[in-house]
Structures are given as structure tokens and as C-alpha cells.
Protein backbone atom coordinates (compact mmCIF):
# COMPACT_ATOMS: atom_id res chain seq x y z
CA UNK A 1 99.65 93.24 103.25
CA UNK A 2 102.52 91.32 104.93
CA UNK A 3 105.37 89.09 103.61
CA UNK A 4 104.34 85.80 102.62
CA UNK A 5 105.56 83.16 105.51
CA UNK A 6 109.26 82.12 105.37
CA UNK A 7 108.24 78.40 104.23
CA UNK A 8 105.92 79.56 101.27
CA UNK A 9 106.18 81.19 97.94
CA UNK A 10 104.25 84.03 97.28
CA UNK A 11 102.57 83.62 93.50
CA UNK A 12 101.20 86.27 90.92
CA UNK A 13 98.08 85.35 88.73
CA UNK A 14 96.42 86.92 85.75
CA UNK A 15 93.02 85.99 85.65
CA UNK A 16 90.37 86.69 82.91
CA UNK A 17 86.49 85.97 83.49
CA UNK A 18 83.05 86.40 81.95
CA UNK A 19 81.37 88.44 84.94
CA UNK A 20 77.84 87.56 83.59
CA UNK A 21 77.13 84.57 85.88
CA UNK A 22 79.23 85.86 89.15
CA UNK A 23 78.41 88.40 91.96
CA UNK A 24 81.31 90.06 91.39
CA UNK A 25 84.94 89.36 92.36
CA UNK A 26 84.80 89.32 96.20
CA UNK A 27 83.79 86.62 98.29
CA UNK A 28 80.69 87.39 100.36
CA UNK A 29 81.21 87.95 104.21
CA UNK A 30 79.93 86.64 106.53
CA UNK A 31 79.08 83.53 104.66
CA UNK A 32 75.53 83.03 103.28
CA UNK A 33 72.98 80.44 103.62
CA UNK A 34 73.56 79.95 100.02
CA UNK A 35 76.77 81.13 99.21
CA UNK A 36 77.25 83.63 96.39
CA UNK A 37 79.33 82.57 93.30
CA UNK A 38 82.17 85.22 93.10
CA UNK A 39 85.49 84.90 91.14
CA UNK A 40 87.41 85.07 94.24
CA UNK A 41 85.51 82.10 95.63
CA UNK A 42 85.65 80.00 92.64
CA UNK A 43 89.53 80.36 91.68
CA UNK A 44 90.41 80.11 95.63
CA UNK A 45 88.43 76.75 96.29
CA UNK A 46 90.17 75.20 92.97
CA UNK A 47 93.59 76.60 93.98
CA UNK A 48 92.99 74.87 97.56
CA UNK A 49 91.80 71.52 95.84
CA UNK A 50 94.91 71.34 93.30
CA UNK A 51 97.38 72.36 95.92
CA UNK A 52 95.78 70.62 98.74
CA UNK A 53 96.63 73.40 101.26
CA UNK A 54 94.86 76.45 102.65
CA UNK A 55 94.69 79.38 100.19
CA UNK A 56 93.99 83.15 100.81
CA UNK A 57 93.43 84.73 97.23
CA UNK A 58 94.07 88.46 97.18
CA UNK A 59 92.37 90.38 93.92
CA UNK A 60 93.77 93.88 93.00
CA UNK A 61 90.35 95.07 91.60
CA UNK A 62 86.63 94.12 93.21
CA UNK A 63 84.82 93.99 90.00
CA UNK A 64 81.01 94.28 90.21
CA UNK A 65 78.56 91.71 89.56
CA UNK A 66 78.19 91.17 85.67
CA UNK A 67 81.74 92.99 85.10
CA UNK A 68 84.15 91.26 83.08
CA UNK A 69 88.20 91.03 82.92
CA UNK A 70 90.88 90.11 80.64
CA UNK A 71 93.70 91.04 83.19
CA UNK A 72 92.55 90.80 86.91
CA UNK A 73 95.41 90.19 88.75
CA UNK A 74 95.94 88.50 92.09
CA UNK A 75 98.30 86.80 94.55
CA UNK A 76 98.36 83.99 97.01
CA UNK A 77 101.02 82.17 98.97
CA UNK A 78 101.70 78.55 98.96
CA UNK A 79 103.80 76.04 100.73
CA UNK A 80 105.87 73.55 98.61
CA UNK A 81 103.73 70.81 96.97
CA UNK A 82 104.54 67.45 95.08
CA UNK A 83 103.06 68.75 91.83
CA UNK A 84 105.34 70.33 89.75
CA UNK A 85 105.00 73.86 89.13
CA UNK A 86 105.00 73.88 85.46
CA UNK A 87 101.77 71.80 85.88
CA UNK A 88 99.99 74.19 87.97
CA UNK A 89 98.25 76.14 84.94
CA UNK A 90 96.66 73.19 83.46
CA UNK A 91 95.68 71.63 86.71
CA UNK A 92 94.05 74.79 87.75
CA UNK A 93 92.33 75.44 84.58
CA UNK A 94 91.00 72.14 83.98
CA UNK A 95 89.06 72.33 87.27
CA UNK A 96 87.93 75.84 86.81
CA UNK A 97 84.28 76.37 85.09
CA UNK A 98 84.16 77.62 81.42
CA UNK A 99 83.61 81.27 82.59
CA UNK A 100 86.86 81.91 84.27
CA UNK A 101 90.61 81.32 83.06
CA UNK A 102 93.97 81.58 84.96
CA UNK A 103 95.96 82.97 82.09
CA UNK A 104 99.30 83.25 83.90
CA UNK A 105 100.83 82.49 86.89
CA UNK A 106 104.46 82.93 88.56
CA UNK A 107 106.33 83.11 91.48
CA UNK A 108 106.84 86.65 92.47
CA UNK A 109 108.59 88.63 95.37
CA UNK A 110 107.63 87.76 99.04
CA UNK A 111 105.93 91.09 99.65
CA UNK A 112 104.28 91.76 96.32
CA UNK A 113 100.61 93.07 96.99
CA UNK A 114 98.11 92.77 94.25
CA UNK A 115 96.33 95.80 95.72
CA UNK A 116 98.86 98.05 97.07
CA UNK A 117 101.62 97.81 94.41
CA UNK A 118 98.76 98.49 91.51
CA UNK A 119 99.93 101.59 89.74
CA UNK A 120 97.69 102.02 87.02
CA UNK A 121 94.38 100.24 85.55
CA UNK A 122 92.73 100.32 82.49
CA UNK A 123 88.87 99.87 81.92
CA UNK A 124 87.01 99.50 78.66
CA UNK A 125 83.36 99.99 78.23
CA UNK A 126 81.59 98.69 74.94
CA UNK A 127 78.79 100.16 73.55
CA UNK A 128 76.65 98.44 70.54
CA UNK A 129 75.45 101.32 68.80
CA UNK A 130 72.97 100.23 66.40
CA UNK A 131 69.16 99.78 65.87
CA UNK A 132 69.32 96.13 66.05
CA UNK A 133 69.87 94.04 69.19
CA UNK A 134 73.38 92.66 69.73
CA UNK A 135 72.39 89.06 70.08
CA UNK A 136 75.99 87.43 69.71
CA UNK A 137 77.44 90.64 71.97
CA UNK A 138 74.50 90.66 74.61
CA UNK A 139 76.89 89.64 77.53
CA UNK A 140 79.61 91.90 76.63
CA UNK A 141 78.44 95.23 75.24
CA UNK A 142 75.64 97.76 76.30
CA UNK A 143 72.92 98.47 73.71
CA UNK A 144 72.20 102.08 72.81
CA UNK A 145 70.49 102.74 69.55
CA UNK A 146 70.50 106.60 69.36
CA UNK A 147 73.08 108.16 67.08
CA UNK A 148 76.53 109.14 69.20
CA UNK A 149 78.98 112.17 68.14
CA UNK A 150 82.32 110.65 68.92
CA UNK A 151 83.68 114.17 68.56
CA UNK A 152 81.52 115.60 71.45
CA UNK A 153 82.29 112.58 73.52
CA UNK A 154 86.19 112.92 73.13
CA UNK A 155 85.98 116.56 73.78
CA UNK A 156 84.10 115.65 77.02
CA UNK A 157 86.63 112.48 77.77
CA UNK A 158 89.74 114.89 77.25
CA UNK A 159 88.34 116.89 80.26
CA UNK A 160 88.86 114.12 82.69
CA UNK A 161 92.57 113.66 82.10
CA UNK A 162 94.53 114.76 85.18
CA UNK A 163 94.21 114.85 88.84
CA UNK A 164 90.64 115.55 90.21
CA UNK A 165 88.34 115.15 93.11
CA UNK A 166 85.92 112.64 91.17
CA UNK A 167 83.24 112.32 93.94
CA UNK A 168 80.89 113.44 91.18
CA UNK A 169 81.32 110.51 88.96
CA UNK A 170 80.83 107.88 91.77
CA UNK A 171 77.87 106.26 93.66
CA UNK A 172 77.25 107.72 96.91
CA UNK A 173 78.05 104.57 98.70
CA UNK A 174 81.73 104.26 97.61
CA UNK A 175 82.86 104.23 100.95
CA UNK A 176 86.21 106.04 100.45
CA UNK A 177 87.50 109.28 102.52
CA UNK A 178 89.81 110.20 99.72
CA UNK A 179 88.18 110.86 96.39
CA UNK A 180 91.14 112.23 94.56
CA UNK A 181 92.05 110.18 91.59
CA UNK A 182 94.44 110.93 88.44
CA UNK A 183 93.08 109.83 84.99
CA UNK A 184 96.14 109.08 82.59
CA UNK A 185 93.80 108.69 79.48
CA UNK A 186 90.34 108.85 78.44
CA UNK A 187 89.02 108.32 74.94
CA UNK A 188 86.35 107.26 72.64
CA UNK A 189 86.62 105.16 69.50
CA UNK A 190 84.42 103.38 67.02
CA UNK A 191 84.74 100.11 64.92
CA UNK A 192 81.69 99.36 63.22
CA UNK A 193 78.80 99.11 65.46
CA UNK A 194 80.93 99.37 68.55
CA UNK A 195 81.72 102.30 70.46
CA UNK A 196 84.47 101.76 72.92
CA UNK A 197 85.43 104.16 76.04
CA UNK A 198 88.75 103.43 77.51
CA UNK A 199 89.59 104.76 80.85
CA UNK A 200 93.09 104.47 82.54
CA UNK A 201 93.97 105.80 85.89
CA UNK A 202 95.64 105.22 89.51
CA UNK A 203 92.22 104.00 91.06
CA UNK A 204 88.65 104.23 90.39
CA UNK A 205 85.48 104.77 93.14
CA UNK A 206 82.41 102.53 92.90
CA UNK A 207 80.74 102.49 89.70
CA UNK A 208 82.89 105.47 88.42
CA UNK A 209 83.67 104.04 84.94
CA UNK A 210 80.08 103.11 84.55
CA UNK A 211 79.10 106.62 85.34
CA UNK A 212 81.80 107.96 83.27
CA UNK A 213 80.53 105.93 80.27
CA UNK A 214 77.12 107.03 80.97
CA UNK A 215 78.13 110.67 81.07
CA UNK A 216 79.86 110.29 77.92
CA UNK A 217 76.88 108.47 76.10
CA UNK A 218 74.70 111.43 77.35
CA UNK A 219 77.23 113.89 75.68
CA UNK A 220 77.13 111.73 72.72
CA UNK A 221 73.60 111.85 71.95
CA UNK A 222 73.24 115.61 72.74
CA UNK A 223 71.69 115.37 76.02
CA UNK A 224 74.73 117.34 77.70
CA UNK A 225 77.18 119.37 76.74
CA UNK A 226 81.14 118.40 76.83
CA UNK A 227 81.41 120.95 79.46
CA UNK A 228 79.28 119.25 81.86
CA UNK A 229 82.46 117.47 82.83
CA UNK A 230 84.06 120.61 83.95
CA UNK A 231 81.13 121.45 86.24
CA UNK A 232 80.74 117.81 87.61
CA UNK A 233 84.56 117.95 88.79
CA UNK A 234 84.45 121.43 90.30
CA UNK A 235 81.17 120.93 92.15
CA UNK A 236 81.40 117.11 92.84
CA UNK A 237 77.83 116.77 92.18
CA UNK A 238 76.51 113.57 91.14
CA UNK A 239 73.31 114.89 89.86
CA UNK A 240 75.08 116.67 87.21
CA UNK A 241 76.60 113.51 85.68
CA UNK A 242 74.85 110.54 83.45
CA UNK A 243 73.37 107.39 84.46
CA UNK A 244 75.18 104.08 85.82
CA UNK A 245 75.30 101.96 82.60
CA UNK A 246 74.45 98.40 82.86
CA UNK A 247 77.59 96.17 84.11
CA UNK A 248 77.87 93.86 80.96
CA UNK A 249 79.66 96.54 78.79
CA UNK A 250 82.71 96.73 81.17
CA UNK A 251 85.94 94.94 81.19
CA UNK A 252 88.93 95.37 83.11
CA UNK A 253 91.72 95.36 80.72
CA UNK A 254 95.01 95.26 82.62
CA UNK A 255 96.44 96.37 85.77
CA UNK A 256 100.15 97.74 85.99
CA UNK A 257 102.32 97.16 89.16
CA UNK A 258 105.51 98.69 90.53
């Protein structure tokens, strides 16, 4: 990512959104007859209207349709404007829809790259583990009613930690030549009816966290053994992993940059 133009200032954004009614983060190219509603498209449009200049918003993570975020990070360049900087956050959020919010905006160095400078990302997948349906939480949790054994799930999760070829934990259409990634942390916890699967790493392939969650759920219900993780990592065989769980349970928690 090139540095910003000499007359412009690069800015860093932290963005939160409910992904239910978005077709993911990334704008669709080429333009559709009926443009799909994406987070990047909505925020970029508001930035252009508030700052009254062309804006290109770059996001660190291309979350899929239905996936949420508390700490998506983006950057954009803007030339000087008559609007005082301290008024930008309110002016932007006043024009954004209710399902997206700019949590923070700050000037940053000219060569800051939301994608290239990201070193660690944390995702959390929430499972509502009870017989009854989670009416109030249906947009943010995956409903799974069979009992889950967290000891077995944590045994499997611990085997993911380290640097591995994770092709067996990604969709076939991941489109990456390099499938080696480092998982810094993976664990499972429970609070009342909510089982939370937390994964931190230096990067993730397409659908990887949802497949990890699906695999751990299969282990927790007794359909697979914790050692299946060892086999998946050794063989890169997607058929040995669990299903790709639905997107509504997944949230991008934060991204750390160098």
C-alpha cells in the first residue's frame, strides 16, 4: 500500500457492525445492477459525503456476509477540510445506519496499512447451547442444542496452537498460495448458555474460523475425537474437519498492528 499523497493525511478507523444485513465487508466489483449492501461501501459513501471528497476505504479483514465486528480496522486518506477534526466522529456516525458505527478515528503515519501492518487478529464464535431457541440472541449466536463437553473441546483447541499448514481447515475456494498460519491462542469457555470459542492468529483463510468452530463442536458432542485436529493438520484433508458453522455466531473482536 503506497503512502498517502503529500497534501493528504492518512487516518485510521476502528469500526463495529452487526453483519446480519450486510453482504460482507468488501464492495462488490464490478458494480452490480443492484449494488449489494456492504460495510465498506456504506462507510466509504458516508465518508465521502461528510468530507466532500473522493475517499477509498481499506479494511484489514474481509469479513463474510452475516459476520459481525467489534474491532474492524481501516484506513483512508483525506485532504484538508473545513470541518474540524474533532467533529468528524459525530458527523460520520450521525449519517451511518444503526447497524454500523465508527468507534474511533485518528490521524496515523503516512505509510500505515490496515492490511499489511496487521500482526494478530482475534475472532470469537458464540454458540447458544440449550434446548430453547435464543430469540433475543438469534442474530449473534449459533443455536446448538446437544450437550457439549468443554474439556474435550479445549483438548482439541490446544492442538491448533502453533504454526501449521491449515489448508484442511479452510474452504476449498480460499484462493491463497500460502496456507501456513500461526495460531497464538484457541480456547473454549462457557457462561450460562453461551459457549465461546476464541481464536487468535496472524491470519486466517476463507471460512477458517467457522470450520474450526464446527470441528470443535463435533468434538464436544462426541462425534469426533480431539486427535482429529492432529490428523487434519498432518494431512490438510478438509473432509476430516467439521462443518462450516453459520456466520451469525462469528465476530471479529480486534486487530493488532505493528
